[in-house]
PDB file of N, CA and C in Angstrom:
ATOM      1  N   UNK A   1     -14.800  13.879  -3.035  1.00  0.00           N
ATOM      2  CA  UNK A   1     -14.271  13.909  -1.737  1.00  0.00           C
ATOM      3  C   UNK A   1     -12.976  13.037  -1.654  1.00  0.00           C
ATOM      4  N   UNK A   2     -11.955  13.537  -1.133  1.00  0.00           N
ATOM      5  CA  UNK A   2     -10.685  12.773  -1.056  1.00  0.00           C
ATOM      6  C   UNK A   2     -10.897  11.534  -0.080  1.00  0.00           C
ATOM      7  N   UNK A   3     -10.247  10.432  -0.438  1.00  0.00           N
ATOM      8  CA  UNK A   3     -10.316   9.239   0.393  1.00  0.00           C
ATOM      9  C   UNK A   3      -8.834   8.856   0.655  1.00  0.00           C
ATOM     10  N   UNK A   4      -8.621   8.565   1.937  1.00  0.00           N
ATOM     11  CA  UNK A   4      -7.257   8.176   2.327  1.00  0.00           C
ATOM     12  C   UNK A   4      -7.171   6.813   2.933  1.00  0.00           C
ATOM     13  N   UNK A   5      -6.068   6.207   2.736  1.00  0.00           N
ATOM     14  CA  UNK A   5      -5.820   4.810   3.281  1.00  0.00           C
ATOM     15  C   UNK A   5      -4.444   4.857   3.980  1.00  0.00           C
ATOM     16  N   UNK A   6      -4.404   4.370   5.181  1.00  0.00           N
ATOM     17  CA  UNK A   6      -3.152   4.305   5.900  1.00  0.00           C
ATOM     18  C   UNK A   6      -2.989   2.901   6.380  1.00  0.00           C
ATOM     19  N   UNK A   7      -1.982   2.223   5.846  1.00  0.00           N
ATOM     20  CA  UNK A   7      -1.712   0.763   6.123  1.00  0.00           C
ATOM     21  C   UNK A   7      -0.412   0.674   6.885  1.00  0.00           C
ATOM     22  N   UNK A   8      -0.444  -0.186   7.855  1.00  0.00           N
ATOM     23  CA  UNK A   8       0.812  -0.562   8.603  1.00  0.00           C
ATOM     24  C   UNK A   8       1.014  -2.023   8.290  1.00  0.00           C
ATOM     25  N   UNK A   9       2.143  -2.386   7.731  1.00  0.00           N
ATOM     26  CA  UNK A   9       2.467  -3.676   7.373  1.00  0.00           C
ATOM     27  C   UNK A   9       3.724  -4.133   8.112  1.00  0.00           C
ATOM     28  N   UNK A  10       3.774  -5.370   8.469  1.00  0.00           N
ATOM     29  CA  UNK A  10       4.939  -5.938   9.194  1.00  0.00           C
ATOM     30  C   UNK A  10       5.254  -7.268   8.656  1.00  0.00           C
ATOM     31  N   UNK A  11       6.483  -7.543   8.415  1.00  0.00           N
ATOM     32  CA  UNK A  11       6.981  -8.756   7.886  1.00  0.00           C
ATOM     33  C   UNK A  11       8.149  -9.239   8.638  1.00  0.00           C
ATOM     34  N   UNK A  12       8.552 -10.461   8.460  1.00  0.00           N
ATOM     35  CA  UNK A  12       9.771 -10.982   9.118  1.00  0.00           C
ATOM     36  C   UNK A  12      10.902 -10.200   8.501  1.00  0.00           C
ATOM     37  N   UNK A  13      11.927  -9.784   9.250  1.00  0.00           N
ATOM     38  CA  UNK A  13      13.018  -9.010   8.646  1.00  0.00           C
ATOM     39  C   UNK A  13      13.719  -9.748   7.481  1.00  0.00           C
ATOM     40  N   UNK A  14      13.603 -11.052   7.515  1.00  0.00           N
ATOM     41  CA  UNK A  14      14.188 -11.839   6.309  1.00  0.00           C
ATOM     42  C   UNK A  14      13.486 -11.509   4.977  1.00  0.00           C
ATOM     43  N   UNK A  15      12.171 -11.134   5.077  1.00  0.00           N
ATOM     44  CA  UNK A  15      11.365 -10.850   3.910  1.00  0.00           C
ATOM     45  C   UNK A  15      11.383  -9.394   3.592  1.00  0.00           C
ATOM     46  N   UNK A  16      11.992  -8.554   4.320  1.00  0.00           N
ATOM     47  CA  UNK A  16      11.896  -7.110   4.193  1.00  0.00           C
ATOM     48  C   UNK A  16      12.298  -6.667   2.772  1.00  0.00           C
ATOM     49  N   UNK A  17      13.276  -7.153   2.189  1.00  0.00           N
ATOM     50  CA  UNK A  17      13.694  -6.645   0.944  1.00  0.00           C
ATOM     51  C   UNK A  17      12.714  -7.010  -0.204  1.00  0.00           C
ATOM     52  N   UNK A  18      12.165  -8.239  -0.105  1.00  0.00           N
ATOM     53  CA  UNK A  18      11.068  -8.609  -1.078  1.00  0.00           C
ATOM     54  C   UNK A  18       9.863  -7.743  -1.009  1.00  0.00           C
ATOM     55  N   UNK A  19       9.400  -7.536   0.268  1.00  0.00           N
ATOM     56  CA  UNK A  19       8.289  -6.615   0.445  1.00  0.00           C
ATOM     57  C   UNK A  19       8.507  -5.217   0.038  1.00  0.00           C
ATOM     58  N   UNK A  20       9.675  -4.678   0.392  1.00  0.00           N
ATOM     59  CA  UNK A  20      10.072  -3.340  -0.057  1.00  0.00           C
ATOM     60  C   UNK A  20      10.014  -3.199  -1.661  1.00  0.00           C
ATOM     61  N   UNK A  21      10.644  -4.188  -2.289  1.00  0.00           N
ATOM     62  CA  UNK A  21      10.736  -4.127  -3.749  1.00  0.00           C
ATOM     63  C   UNK A  21       9.280  -4.133  -4.361  1.00  0.00           C
ATOM     64  N   UNK A  22       8.419  -4.987  -3.846  1.00  0.00           N
ATOM     65  CA  UNK A  22       7.069  -5.027  -4.331  1.00  0.00           C
ATOM     66  C   UNK A  22       6.335  -3.783  -4.087  1.00  0.00           C
ATOM     67  N   UNK A  23       6.408  -3.252  -2.908  1.00  0.00           N
ATOM     68  CA  UNK A  23       5.739  -2.007  -2.549  1.00  0.00           C
ATOM     69  C   UNK A  23       6.183  -0.825  -3.448  1.00  0.00           C
ATOM     70  N   UNK A  24       7.485  -0.810  -3.716  1.00  0.00           N
ATOM     71  CA  UNK A  24       8.004   0.304  -4.613  1.00  0.00           C
ATOM     72  C   UNK A  24       7.507   0.101  -6.030  1.00  0.00           C
ATOM     73  N   UNK A  25       7.310  -1.064  -6.439  1.00  0.00           N
ATOM     74  CA  UNK A  25       6.745  -1.318  -7.792  1.00  0.00           C
ATOM     75  C   UNK A  25       5.267  -0.896  -7.823  1.00  0.00           C
ATOM     76  N   UNK A  26       4.513  -1.255  -6.762  1.00  0.00           N
ATOM     77  CA  UNK A  26       3.115  -0.813  -6.638  1.00  0.00           C
ATOM     78  C   UNK A  26       2.928   0.714  -6.614  1.00  0.00           C
ATOM     79  N   UNK A  27       3.928   1.286  -5.913  1.00  0.00           N
ATOM     80  CA  UNK A  27       3.891   2.742  -5.886  1.00  0.00           C
ATOM     81  C   UNK A  27       3.871   3.397  -7.241  1.00  0.00           C
ATOM     82  N   UNK A  28       4.852   2.883  -8.078  1.00  0.00           N
ATOM     83  CA  UNK A  28       4.898   3.419  -9.441  1.00  0.00           C
ATOM     84  C   UNK A  28       3.627   3.194 -10.260  1.00  0.00           C
ATOM     85  N   UNK A  29       3.137   1.999 -10.209  1.00  0.00           N
ATOM     86  CA  UNK A  29       1.829   1.729 -10.976  1.00  0.00           C
ATOM     87  C   UNK A  29       0.684   2.559 -10.412  1.00  0.00           C
ATOM     88  N   UNK A  30       0.530   2.700  -9.087  1.00  0.00           N
ATOM     89  CA  UNK A  30      -0.514   3.332  -8.473  1.00  0.00           C
ATOM     90  C   UNK A  30      -0.552   4.816  -8.738  1.00  0.00           C
ATOM     91  N   UNK A  31       0.643   5.487  -8.779  1.00  0.00           N
ATOM     92  CA  UNK A  31       0.716   6.884  -9.047  1.00  0.00           C
ATOM     93  C   UNK A  31       0.220   7.225 -10.457  1.00  0.00           C
ATOM     94  N   UNK A  32       0.263   6.214 -11.302  1.00  0.00           N
ATOM     95  CA  UNK A  32      -0.297   6.476 -12.708  1.00  0.00           C
ATOM     96  C   UNK A  32      -1.770   6.278 -12.846  1.00  0.00           C
ATOM     97  N   UNK A  33      -2.420   5.752 -11.771  1.00  0.00           N
ATOM     98  CA  UNK A  33      -3.889   5.568 -11.775  1.00  0.00           C
ATOM     99  C   UNK A  33      -4.609   6.922 -11.878  1.00  0.00           C
ATOM    100  N   UNK A  34      -5.664   7.054 -12.659  1.00  0.00           N
ATOM    101  CA  UNK A  34      -6.311   8.322 -12.774  1.00  0.00           C
ATOM    102  C   UNK A  34      -6.818   8.974 -11.447  1.00  0.00           C
ATOM    103  N   UNK A  35      -7.379   8.204 -10.515  1.00  0.00           N
ATOM    104  CA  UNK A  35      -7.860   8.668  -9.270  1.00  0.00           C
ATOM    105  C   UNK A  35      -6.912   8.854  -8.124  1.00  0.00           C
ATOM    106  N   UNK A  36      -5.642   8.354  -8.383  1.00  0.00           N
ATOM    107  CA  UNK A  36      -4.642   8.492  -7.269  1.00  0.00           C
ATOM    108  C   UNK A  36      -4.096   9.829  -7.189  1.00  0.00           C
ATOM    109  N   UNK A  37      -4.085  10.330  -5.935  1.00  0.00           N
ATOM    110  CA  UNK A  37      -3.592  11.717  -5.540  1.00  0.00           C
ATOM    111  C   UNK A  37      -2.271  11.617  -4.837  1.00  0.00           C
ATOM    112  N   UNK A  38      -1.834  10.406  -4.463  1.00  0.00           N
ATOM    113  CA  UNK A  38      -0.557  10.202  -3.735  1.00  0.00           C
ATOM    114  C   UNK A  38      -0.454   8.843  -3.164  1.00  0.00           C
ATOM    115  N   UNK A  39       0.753   8.287  -3.264  1.00  0.00           N
ATOM    116  CA  UNK A  39       0.960   6.935  -2.671  1.00  0.00           C
ATOM    117  C   UNK A  39       2.394   6.982  -2.127  1.00  0.00           C
ATOM    118  N   UNK A  40       2.636   6.941  -0.822  1.00  0.00           N
ATOM    119  CA  UNK A  40       3.807   7.010  -0.174  1.00  0.00           C
ATOM    120  C   UNK A  40       4.124   5.730   0.559  1.00  0.00           C
ATOM    121  N   UNK A  41       5.372   5.298   0.504  1.00  0.00           N
ATOM    122  CA  UNK A  41       5.846   4.068   1.174  1.00  0.00           C
ATOM    123  C   UNK A  41       6.970   4.469   2.139  1.00  0.00           C
ATOM    124  N   UNK A  42       6.808   4.081   3.451  1.00  0.00           N
ATOM    125  CA  UNK A  42       7.845   4.455   4.410  1.00  0.00           C
ATOM    126  C   UNK A  42       8.204   3.194   5.149  1.00  0.00           C
ATOM    127  N   UNK A  43       9.547   3.109   5.436  1.00  0.00           N
ATOM    128  CA  UNK A  43      10.092   2.087   6.406  1.00  0.00           C
ATOM    129  C   UNK A  43       9.903   2.688   7.779  1.00  0.00           C
ATOM    130  N   UNK A  44       9.432   1.856   8.689  1.00  0.00           N
ATOM    131  CA  UNK A  44       9.116   2.322  10.042  1.00  0.00           C
ATOM    132  C   UNK A  44      10.494   2.297  10.795  1.00  0.00           C
ATOM    133  N   UNK A  45      10.831   3.418  11.341  1.00  0.00           N
ATOM    134  CA  UNK A  45      12.106   3.590  12.051  1.00  0.00           C
ATOM    135  C   UNK A  45      12.153   2.663  13.376  1.00  0.00           C
ATOM    136  N   UNK A  46      13.219   1.976  13.438  1.00  0.00           N
ATOM    137  CA  UNK A  46      13.362   1.123  14.596  1.00  0.00           C
ATOM    138  C   UNK A  46      12.557  -0.135  14.659  1.00  0.00           C
ATOM    139  N   UNK A  47      11.889  -0.494  13.497  1.00  0.00           N
ATOM    140  CA  UNK A  47      11.082  -1.641  13.421  1.00  0.00           C
ATOM    141  C   UNK A  47      11.361  -2.431  12.116  1.00  0.00           C
ATOM    142  N   UNK A  48      12.487  -3.260  12.201  1.00  0.00           N
ATOM    143  CA  UNK A  48      12.810  -4.078  11.030  1.00  0.00           C
ATOM    144  C   UNK A  48      11.575  -4.847  10.483  1.00  0.00           C
ATOM    145  N   UNK A  49      11.368  -4.733   9.173  1.00  0.00           N
ATOM    146  CA  UNK A  49      10.271  -5.364   8.556  1.00  0.00           C
ATOM    147  C   UNK A  49       8.941  -4.528   8.704  1.00  0.00           C
ATOM    148  N   UNK A  50       9.001  -3.317   9.200  1.00  0.00           N
ATOM    149  CA  UNK A  50       7.849  -2.447   9.326  1.00  0.00           C
ATOM    150  C   UNK A  50       7.706  -1.474   8.196  1.00  0.00           C
ATOM    151  N   UNK A  51       6.506  -1.324   7.741  1.00  0.00           N
ATOM    152  CA  UNK A  51       6.240  -0.363   6.642  1.00  0.00           C
ATOM    153  C   UNK A  51       4.927   0.444   6.957  1.00  0.00           C
ATOM    154  N   UNK A  52       4.958   1.638   6.538  1.00  0.00           N
ATOM    155  CA  UNK A  52       3.735   2.503   6.662  1.00  0.00           C
ATOM    156  C   UNK A  52       3.423   2.954   5.223  1.00  0.00           C
ATOM    157  N   UNK A  53       2.194   2.729   4.776  1.00  0.00           N
ATOM    158  CA  UNK A  53       1.795   3.208   3.468  1.00  0.00           C
ATOM    159  C   UNK A  53       0.668   4.290   3.653  1.00  0.00           C
ATOM    160  N   UNK A  54       0.841   5.428   2.919  1.00  0.00           N
ATOM    161  CA  UNK A  54      -0.156   6.505   2.971  1.00  0.00           C
ATOM    162  C   UNK A  54      -0.623   6.657   1.486  1.00  0.00           C
ATOM    163  N   UNK A  55      -1.915   6.541   1.341  1.00  0.00           N
ATOM    164  CA  UNK A  55      -2.518   6.546  -0.064  1.00  0.00           C
ATOM    165  C   UNK A  55      -3.635   7.576  -0.078  1.00  0.00           C
ATOM    166  N   UNK A  56      -3.753   8.358  -1.122  1.00  0.00           N
ATOM    167  CA  UNK A  56      -4.899   9.222  -1.271  1.00  0.00           C
ATOM    168  C   UNK A  56      -5.441   9.065  -2.679  1.00  0.00           C
ATOM    169  N   UNK A  57      -6.732   9.040  -2.789  1.00  0.00           N
ATOM    170  CA  UNK A  57      -7.513   8.912  -3.996  1.00  0.00           C
ATOM    171  C   UNK A  57      -8.562   9.959  -4.095  1.00  0.00           C
ATOM    172  N   UNK A  58      -9.025  10.229  -5.259  1.00  0.00           N
ATOM    173  CA  UNK A  58     -10.040  11.240  -5.446  1.00  0.00           C
ATOM    174  C   UNK A  58     -11.331  10.915  -4.693  1.00  0.00           C
ATOM    175  N   UNK A  59     -11.617   9.662  -4.543  1.00  0.00           N
ATOM    176  CA  UNK A  59     -12.872   9.238  -3.893  1.00  0.00           C
ATOM    177  C   UNK A  59     -12.716   7.648  -3.631  1.00  0.00           C
ATOM    178  N   UNK A  60     -13.719   7.198  -2.930  1.00  0.00           N
ATOM    179  CA  UNK A  60     -13.715   5.721  -2.632  1.00  0.00           C
ATOM    180  C   UNK A  60     -13.698   4.916  -3.905  1.00  0.00           C
ATOM    181  N   UNK A  61     -14.424   5.330  -4.895  1.00  0.00           N
ATOM    182  CA  UNK A  61     -14.473   4.562  -6.152  1.00  0.00           C
ATOM    183  C   UNK A  61     -13.057   4.435  -6.754  1.00  0.00           C
ATOM    184  N   UNK A  62     -12.276   5.437  -6.603  1.00  0.00           N
ATOM    185  CA  UNK A  62     -10.896   5.423  -7.083  1.00  0.00           C
ATOM    186  C   UNK A  62     -10.048   4.427  -6.330  1.00  0.00           C
ATOM    187  N   UNK A  63     -10.289   4.289  -5.011  1.00  0.00           N
ATOM    188  CA  UNK A  63      -9.570   3.229  -4.264  1.00  0.00           C
ATOM    189  C   UNK A  63     -10.042   1.840  -4.635  1.00  0.00           C
ATOM    190  N   UNK A  64     -11.409   1.691  -4.922  1.00  0.00           N
ATOM    191  CA  UNK A  64     -11.895   0.384  -5.317  1.00  0.00           C
ATOM    192  C   UNK A  64     -11.257   0.016  -6.698  1.00  0.00           C
ATOM    193  N   UNK A  65     -11.182   1.000  -7.625  1.00  0.00           N
ATOM    194  CA  UNK A  65     -10.517   0.704  -8.869  1.00  0.00           C
ATOM    195  C   UNK A  65      -9.064   0.290  -8.700  1.00  0.00           C
ATOM    196  N   UNK A  66      -8.385   0.874  -7.744  1.00  0.00           N
ATOM    197  CA  UNK A  66      -7.041   0.491  -7.421  1.00  0.00           C
ATOM    198  C   UNK A  66      -6.942  -0.994  -6.974  1.00  0.00           C
ATOM    199  N   UNK A  67      -7.820  -1.309  -6.130  1.00  0.00           N
ATOM    200  CA  UNK A  67      -7.885  -2.733  -5.643  1.00  0.00           C
ATOM    201  C   UNK A  67      -8.206  -3.720  -6.695  1.00  0.00           C
ATOM    202  N   UNK A  68      -8.879  -3.300  -7.754  1.00  0.00           N
ATOM    203  CA  UNK A  68      -9.253  -4.181  -8.898  1.00  0.00           C
ATOM    204  C   UNK A  68      -8.108  -4.244  -9.980  1.00  0.00           C
ATOM    205  N   UNK A  69      -7.097  -3.421  -9.837  1.00  0.00           N
ATOM    206  CA  UNK A  69      -6.021  -3.374 -10.811  1.00  0.00           C
ATOM    207  C   UNK A  69      -5.183  -4.642 -10.751  1.00  0.00           C
ATOM    208  N   UNK A  70      -4.669  -5.047 -11.943  1.00  0.00           N
ATOM    209  CA  UNK A  70      -3.846  -6.254 -12.010  1.00  0.00           C
ATOM    210  C   UNK A  70      -2.579  -6.097 -11.145  1.00  0.00           C
ATOM    211  N   UNK A  71      -1.990  -4.948 -11.161  1.00  0.00           N
ATOM    212  CA  UNK A  71      -0.765  -4.800 -10.336  1.00  0.00           C
ATOM    213  C   UNK A  71      -1.036  -4.924  -8.815  1.00  0.00           C
ATOM    214  N   UNK A  72      -2.213  -4.565  -8.386  1.00  0.00           N
ATOM    215  CA  UNK A  72      -2.589  -4.757  -6.999  1.00  0.00           C
ATOM    216  C   UNK A  72      -2.633  -6.218  -6.660  1.00  0.00           C
ATOM    217  N   UNK A  73      -3.300  -6.968  -7.534  1.00  0.00           N
ATOM    218  CA  UNK A  73      -3.505  -8.429  -7.314  1.00  0.00           C
ATOM    219  C   UNK A  73      -2.115  -9.084  -7.392  1.00  0.00           C
ATOM    220  N   UNK A  74      -1.335  -8.751  -8.388  1.00  0.00           N
ATOM    221  CA  UNK A  74      -0.062  -9.467  -8.562  1.00  0.00           C
ATOM    222  C   UNK A  74       0.893  -9.061  -7.460  1.00  0.00           C
ATOM    223  N   UNK A  75       1.133  -7.794  -7.190  1.00  0.00           N
ATOM    224  CA  UNK A  75       2.147  -7.359  -6.229  1.00  0.00           C
ATOM    225  C   UNK A  75       1.733  -7.356  -4.734  1.00  0.00           C
ATOM    226  N   UNK A  76       0.460  -6.972  -4.448  1.00  0.00           N
ATOM    227  CA  UNK A  76       0.020  -6.929  -3.102  1.00  0.00           C
ATOM    228  C   UNK A  76      -0.621  -8.168  -2.613  1.00  0.00           C
ATOM    229  N   UNK A  77      -1.646  -8.642  -3.279  1.00  0.00           N
ATOM    230  CA  UNK A  77      -2.363  -9.832  -2.856  1.00  0.00           C
ATOM    231  C   UNK A  77      -1.502 -11.072  -2.917  1.00  0.00           C
ATOM    232  N   UNK A  78      -0.818 -11.245  -3.987  1.00  0.00           N
ATOM    233  CA  UNK A  78      -0.075 -12.498  -4.293  1.00  0.00           C
ATOM    234  C   UNK A  78       1.405 -12.463  -3.691  1.00  0.00           C
ATOM    235  N   UNK A  79       1.972 -11.283  -3.777  1.00  0.00           N
ATOM    236  CA  UNK A  79       3.413 -11.200  -3.324  1.00  0.00           C
ATOM    237  C   UNK A  79       3.575 -10.701  -1.786  1.00  0.00           C
ATOM    238  N   UNK A  80       2.957  -9.519  -1.485  1.00  0.00           N
ATOM    239  CA  UNK A  80       3.137  -8.920  -0.162  1.00  0.00           C
ATOM    240  C   UNK A  80       2.400  -9.583   0.897  1.00  0.00           C
ATOM    241  N   UNK A  81       1.060  -9.683   0.767  1.00  0.00           N
ATOM    242  CA  UNK A  81       0.248 -10.199   1.830  1.00  0.00           C
ATOM    243  C   UNK A  81       0.702 -11.504   2.397  1.00  0.00           C
ATOM    244  N   UNK A  82       1.084 -12.443   1.575  1.00  0.00           N
ATOM    245  CA  UNK A  82       1.520 -13.774   2.207  1.00  0.00           C
ATOM    246  C   UNK A  82       2.754 -13.652   3.046  1.00  0.00           C
ATOM    247  N   UNK A  83       3.560 -12.641   2.791  1.00  0.00           N
ATOM    248  CA  UNK A  83       4.790 -12.393   3.609  1.00  0.00           C
ATOM    249  C   UNK A  83       4.542 -11.647   4.968  1.00  0.00           C
ATOM    250  N   UNK A  84       3.406 -11.057   5.135  1.00  0.00           N
ATOM    251  CA  UNK A  84       3.144 -10.241   6.282  1.00  0.00           C
ATOM    252  C   UNK A  84       2.857 -11.037   7.538  1.00  0.00           C
ATOM    253  N   UNK A  85       3.302 -10.541   8.661  1.00  0.00           N
ATOM    254  CA  UNK A  85       2.965 -11.095   9.955  1.00  0.00           C
ATOM    255  C   UNK A  85       1.954 -10.311  10.596  1.00  0.00           C
ATOM    256  N   UNK A  86       1.743  -9.098  10.199  1.00  0.00           N
ATOM    257  CA  UNK A  86       0.719  -8.131  10.738  1.00  0.00           C
ATOM    258  C   UNK A  86       0.320  -7.136   9.699  1.00  0.00           C
ATOM    259  N   UNK A  87      -0.943  -6.880   9.614  1.00  0.00           N
ATOM    260  CA  UNK A  87      -1.454  -5.751   8.714  1.00  0.00           C
ATOM    261  C   UNK A  87      -2.622  -5.050   9.424  1.00  0.00           C
ATOM    262  N   UNK A  88      -2.531  -3.756   9.415  1.00  0.00           N
ATOM    263  CA  UNK A  88      -3.569  -2.903   9.932  1.00  0.00           C
ATOM    264  C   UNK A  88      -3.881  -1.872   8.948  1.00  0.00           C
ATOM    265  N   UNK A  89      -5.160  -1.620   8.545  1.00  0.00           N
ATOM    266  CA  UNK A  89      -5.527  -0.660   7.561  1.00  0.00           C
ATOM    267  C   UNK A  89      -6.639   0.276   8.128  1.00  0.00           C
ATOM    268  N   UNK A  90      -6.406   1.594   7.922  1.00  0.00           N
ATOM    269  CA  UNK A  90      -7.395   2.536   8.292  1.00  0.00           C
ATOM    270  C   UNK A  90      -7.816   3.331   7.038  1.00  0.00           C
ATOM    271  N   UNK A  91      -9.166   3.483   6.967  1.00  0.00           N
ATOM    272  CA  UNK A  91      -9.787   4.198   5.863  1.00  0.00           C
ATOM    273  C   UNK A  91     -10.372   5.510   6.346  1.00  0.00           C
ATOM    274  N   UNK A  92     -10.219   6.669   5.613  1.00  0.00           N
ATOM    275  CA  UNK A  92     -10.762   7.894   6.007  1.00  0.00           C
ATOM    276  C   UNK A  92     -11.181   8.754   4.845  1.00  0.00           C
ATOM    277  N   UNK A  93     -12.304   9.519   5.034  1.00  0.00           N
ATOM    278  CA  UNK A  93     -12.762  10.422   4.080  1.00  0.00           C
ATOM    279  C   UNK A  93     -12.366  11.859   4.572  1.00  0.00           C
ATOM    280  N   UNK A  94     -12.093  12.760   3.649  1.00  0.00           N
ATOM    281  CA  UNK A  94     -11.776  14.118   3.976  1.00  0.00           C
ATOM    282  C   UNK A  94     -13.025  14.825   4.397  1.00  0.00           C
ATOM    283  N   UNK A  95     -12.852  15.719   5.357  1.00  0.00           N
ATOM    284  CA  UNK A  95     -13.940  16.522   5.844  1.00  0.00           C
ATOM    285  C   UNK A  95     -14.099  17.817   5.025  1.00  0.00           C
TER     286      UNK A  95
END
């Protein structure tokens, strides 16, 4: 069953380029993961420092494997999250 993650990230506009660069690196690593079915990064229109991520995995176990990956720890946990001023994440299973 497909598993989706939609994340809304917001950072100070001064940190936008660093967050963008890290998210684009994560995208490349994540798309190579066996259970990944898609990983999209969007800049939110009219919201400097705003990003929307849309991720799809074969199942929840695939998403858990993604979170356990070294690139997730290095680029998301260590680099992106400390720069965020707001983070909202929604998880969903396909019907």
